[in-house]
Amino acid sequence: MHLPSALSSRAESVRPRTGSASRTGEGSAVVGPQGGVLLQRGGRIPRMTDAILEVRDVYKHFPVTQSFFDAVKRLSKEVIHAVDGVSFDIQAQETLGLIGESGSGKTTLGWSVARLHNVTRGTIRLDGKDITNLEGSGLRAIRRKVQVVFQDPVGSLDPRLRVWQIVGEPARAQGTVSRAELRSRVAELLPTVGLPGGSLDQYPHEFSGGGRQRLSLARALIVHPKLIILDEPTSAL
């Protein structure tokens, strides 16, 4: 089992701090006074290379919830600036770490890259293809290339499904896979994340927090993605 090229021993981290820039490796990051990620600056951004992922000037704003009467009166809408003007590349054989305080926009940025959020503005390219506004079959096609390990292993695993169904779901969603083939693939994959191959018919509640996180990682790896977004993957360990 080969891990995707974006997961390697070579890493460059970005350490944002509120209202300041912190420089590590080749780049730096700036976080605004409200904690939102503003901009990564430095040598990483302008490199003209064959990047797996290119993020350019991405913004993600969320409207503040209004009451019914405010909406009727069409009062000006306030927005939360979760992510403002972020740019970076991820090359093959590279890991990028984004570090910041709670609420600084790390998860929002990751979900936006995976197209679980629609960005307010900016461009996201995967393998040179603009995926910013993909929908339908086009969006479904990139799910094989980009997978996410979510921060909450309990909430992200369906308690009604067995291990082979949970881990195999991305493969099943991408095409026609027989039950026998899917079970075989999951059984082969589980030991690579430290779980016994014989646990196919167990349920999530039968695992510890760390075991559930390993299930989440296995689910992301089942389709051999080019890029994995890890949202605090050790939080349950």
Foldseek 3Di string as FASTA:
>chain_A
DDAFQLDAPAEWEEAEDEQDWDDTDFWIWYFYNVLATAEIGGDFFPDDDQFQKWWFQFWAKAWDDDDPVCVVVVPDIDIDGRYGTYTGTGHGNYYYHYHGDPSHNPVVVLCQQLVVDQTPDTFMDGSNHTPNDDDDPVSLVCCLAEEEQDPQLVVVFDQVDFLLCRLLVNVVSVDDDDPVRSLVLLLVQLVVLPHHSPRRGHGPVVDALLSSLSSSVSSSPSSNHNYYHYDNSVNRD
